[in-house]
């Protein structure tokens, strides 16, 4: 990947994290919302990996993918799938 592509992906990821942080801080119960987002992201990642048996598309569980799934939830998993589609 070129330097511009990496910079663009880092900027998009940073913007996503900033949006999640603002949404959590404006929430009345930020810890509960963070836990719900993390649970949704992990369930979505598990669903992708279980259906990967039939579709051939799966995401490996590592520090990066687990962190993205837990911090960004369902949109993070969708972003990981999109990145897999575009770059792998």
C-alpha atoms as a PDB file:
ATOM      1  CA  UNK A   1       0.000   0.000   0.000  1.00  0.00           C
ATOM      2  CA  UNK A   2       1.158   3.503  -0.704  1.00  0.00           C
ATOM      3  CA  UNK A   3       1.780   6.103   1.956  1.00  0.00           C
ATOM      4  CA  UNK A   4      -1.336   8.054   0.964  1.00  0.00           C
ATOM      5  CA  UNK A   5      -3.564   5.021   1.399  1.00  0.00           C
ATOM      6  CA  UNK A   6      -2.210   4.328   4.871  1.00  0.00           C
ATOM      7  CA  UNK A   7      -2.601   7.989   5.829  1.00  0.00           C
ATOM      8  CA  UNK A   8      -6.182   8.034   4.543  1.00  0.00           C
ATOM      9  CA  UNK A   9      -7.098   4.855   6.430  1.00  0.00           C
ATOM     10  CA  UNK A  10      -5.513   6.202   9.629  1.00  0.00           C
ATOM     11  CA  UNK A  11      -7.456   9.470   9.284  1.00  0.00           C
ATOM     12  CA  UNK A  12     -10.741   7.628   8.738  1.00  0.00           C
ATOM     13  CA  UNK A  13     -10.054   5.368  11.723  1.00  0.00           C
ATOM     14  CA  UNK A  14      -9.151   8.336  13.919  1.00  0.00           C
ATOM     15  CA  UNK A  15     -12.330  10.118  12.879  1.00  0.00           C
ATOM     16  CA  UNK A  16     -14.361   7.035  13.726  1.00  0.00           C
ATOM     17  CA  UNK A  17     -12.780   6.779  17.166  1.00  0.00           C
ATOM     18  CA  UNK A  18     -13.428  10.463  17.781  1.00  0.00           C
ATOM     19  CA  UNK A  19     -17.083  10.056  16.796  1.00  0.00           C
ATOM     20  CA  UNK A  20     -17.466   7.084  19.144  1.00  0.00           C
ATOM     21  CA  UNK A  21     -15.824   8.994  21.999  1.00  0.00           C
ATOM     22  CA  UNK A  22     -18.124  11.996  21.518  1.00  0.00           C
ATOM     23  CA  UNK A  23     -21.211   9.769  21.368  1.00  0.00           C
ATOM     24  CA  UNK A  24     -20.152   7.961  24.548  1.00  0.00           C
ATOM     25  CA  UNK A  25     -19.468  11.167  26.434  1.00  0.00           C
ATOM     26  CA  UNK A  26     -22.851  12.649  25.466  1.00  0.00           C
ATOM     27  CA  UNK A  27     -24.631   9.518  26.645  1.00  0.00           C
ATOM     28  CA  UNK A  28     -26.285   9.431  30.061  1.00  0.00           C
ATOM     29  CA  UNK A  29     -24.715   6.030  30.771  1.00  0.00           C
ATOM     30  CA  UNK A  30     -21.376   5.915  28.910  1.00  0.00           C
ATOM     31  CA  UNK A  31     -20.053   2.710  30.494  1.00  0.00           C
ATOM     32  CA  UNK A  32     -23.249   0.807  29.741  1.00  0.00           C
ATOM     33  CA  UNK A  33     -23.197   2.065  26.154  1.00  0.00           C
ATOM     34  CA  UNK A  34     -19.526   1.128  25.749  1.00  0.00           C
ATOM     35  CA  UNK A  35     -20.208  -2.401  26.999  1.00  0.00           C
ATOM     36  CA  UNK A  36     -23.227  -2.728  24.702  1.00  0.00           C
ATOM     37  CA  UNK A  37     -21.160  -1.577  21.712  1.00  0.00           C
ATOM     38  CA  UNK A  38     -18.372  -4.011  22.582  1.00  0.00           C
ATOM     39  CA  UNK A  39     -20.846  -6.881  22.924  1.00  0.00           C
ATOM     40  CA  UNK A  40     -22.505  -6.032  19.602  1.00  0.00           C
ATOM     41  CA  UNK A  41     -19.147  -5.867  17.857  1.00  0.00           C
ATOM     42  CA  UNK A  42     -17.960  -9.188  19.242  1.00  0.00           C
ATOM     43  CA  UNK A  43     -21.280 -10.860  18.382  1.00  0.00           C
ATOM     44  CA  UNK A  44     -21.091  -9.468  14.850  1.00  0.00           C
ATOM     45  CA  UNK A  45     -17.538 -10.740  14.491  1.00  0.00           C
ATOM     46  CA  UNK A  46     -18.572 -14.158  15.787  1.00  0.00           C
ATOM     47  CA  UNK A  47     -21.479 -14.213  13.322  1.00  0.00           C
ATOM     48  CA  UNK A  48     -19.120 -13.381  10.447  1.00  0.00           C
ATOM     49  CA  UNK A  49     -16.751 -16.162  11.482  1.00  0.00           C
ATOM     50  CA  UNK A  50     -19.539 -18.726  11.940  1.00  0.00           C
ATOM     51  CA  UNK A  51     -21.087 -17.927   8.560  1.00  0.00           C
ATOM     52  CA  UNK A  52     -17.577 -17.955   7.093  1.00  0.00           C
ATOM     53  CA  UNK A  53     -17.891 -21.737   7.008  1.00  0.00           C
ATOM     54  CA  UNK A  54     -20.523 -21.342   4.303  1.00  0.00           C
ATOM     55  CA  UNK A  55     -19.432 -18.101   2.610  1.00  0.00           C
ATOM     56  CA  UNK A  56     -15.660 -18.401   2.761  1.00  0.00           C
ATOM     57  CA  UNK A  57     -15.336 -14.912   4.288  1.00  0.00           C
ATOM     58  CA  UNK A  58     -13.958 -14.714   7.811  1.00  0.00           C
ATOM     59  CA  UNK A  59     -12.014 -12.323  10.018  1.00  0.00           C
ATOM     60  CA  UNK A  60      -9.182 -13.538  12.198  1.00  0.00           C
ATOM     61  CA  UNK A  61      -9.365 -12.561  15.844  1.00  0.00           C
ATOM     62  CA  UNK A  62      -6.328 -10.539  16.826  1.00  0.00           C
ATOM     63  CA  UNK A  63      -5.559  -7.378  18.771  1.00  0.00           C
ATOM     64  CA  UNK A  64      -6.461  -5.064  15.906  1.00  0.00           C
ATOM     65  CA  UNK A  65      -9.638  -6.769  14.755  1.00  0.00           C
ATOM     66  CA  UNK A  66     -10.853  -7.397  18.298  1.00  0.00           C
ATOM     67  CA  UNK A  67     -10.163  -3.803  19.293  1.00  0.00           C
ATOM     68  CA  UNK A  68     -11.943  -2.398  16.255  1.00  0.00           C
ATOM     69  CA  UNK A  69     -14.920  -4.682  16.847  1.00  0.00           C
ATOM     70  CA  UNK A  70     -15.112  -3.719  20.526  1.00  0.00           C
ATOM     71  CA  UNK A  71     -14.613   0.029  20.101  1.00  0.00           C
ATOM     72  CA  UNK A  72     -16.628   0.631  16.947  1.00  0.00           C
ATOM     73  CA  UNK A  73     -19.153  -2.196  17.201  1.00  0.00           C
ATOM     74  CA  UNK A  74     -21.088  -3.265  14.132  1.00  0.00           C
ATOM     75  CA  UNK A  75     -19.793  -0.430  11.893  1.00  0.00           C
ATOM     76  CA  UNK A  76     -16.253  -1.460  12.821  1.00  0.00           C
ATOM     77  CA  UNK A  77     -16.871  -5.053  11.743  1.00  0.00           C
ATOM     78  CA  UNK A  78     -18.441  -3.805   8.514  1.00  0.00           C
ATOM     79  CA  UNK A  79     -15.369  -1.642   7.973  1.00  0.00           C
ATOM     80  CA  UNK A  80     -13.077  -4.608   8.552  1.00  0.00           C
ATOM     81  CA  UNK A  81     -15.037  -6.615   5.989  1.00  0.00           C
ATOM     82  CA  UNK A  82     -14.837  -3.732   3.511  1.00  0.00           C
ATOM     83  CA  UNK A  83     -11.084  -3.375   4.079  1.00  0.00           C
ATOM     84  CA  UNK A  84     -10.692  -7.124   3.530  1.00  0.00           C
ATOM     85  CA  UNK A  85     -12.653  -6.852   0.301  1.00  0.00           C
ATOM     86  CA  UNK A  86     -10.653  -3.901  -1.007  1.00  0.00           C
ATOM     87  CA  UNK A  87      -7.117  -4.745   0.087  1.00  0.00           C
ATOM     88  CA  UNK A  88      -6.854  -8.531   0.359  1.00  0.00           C
END
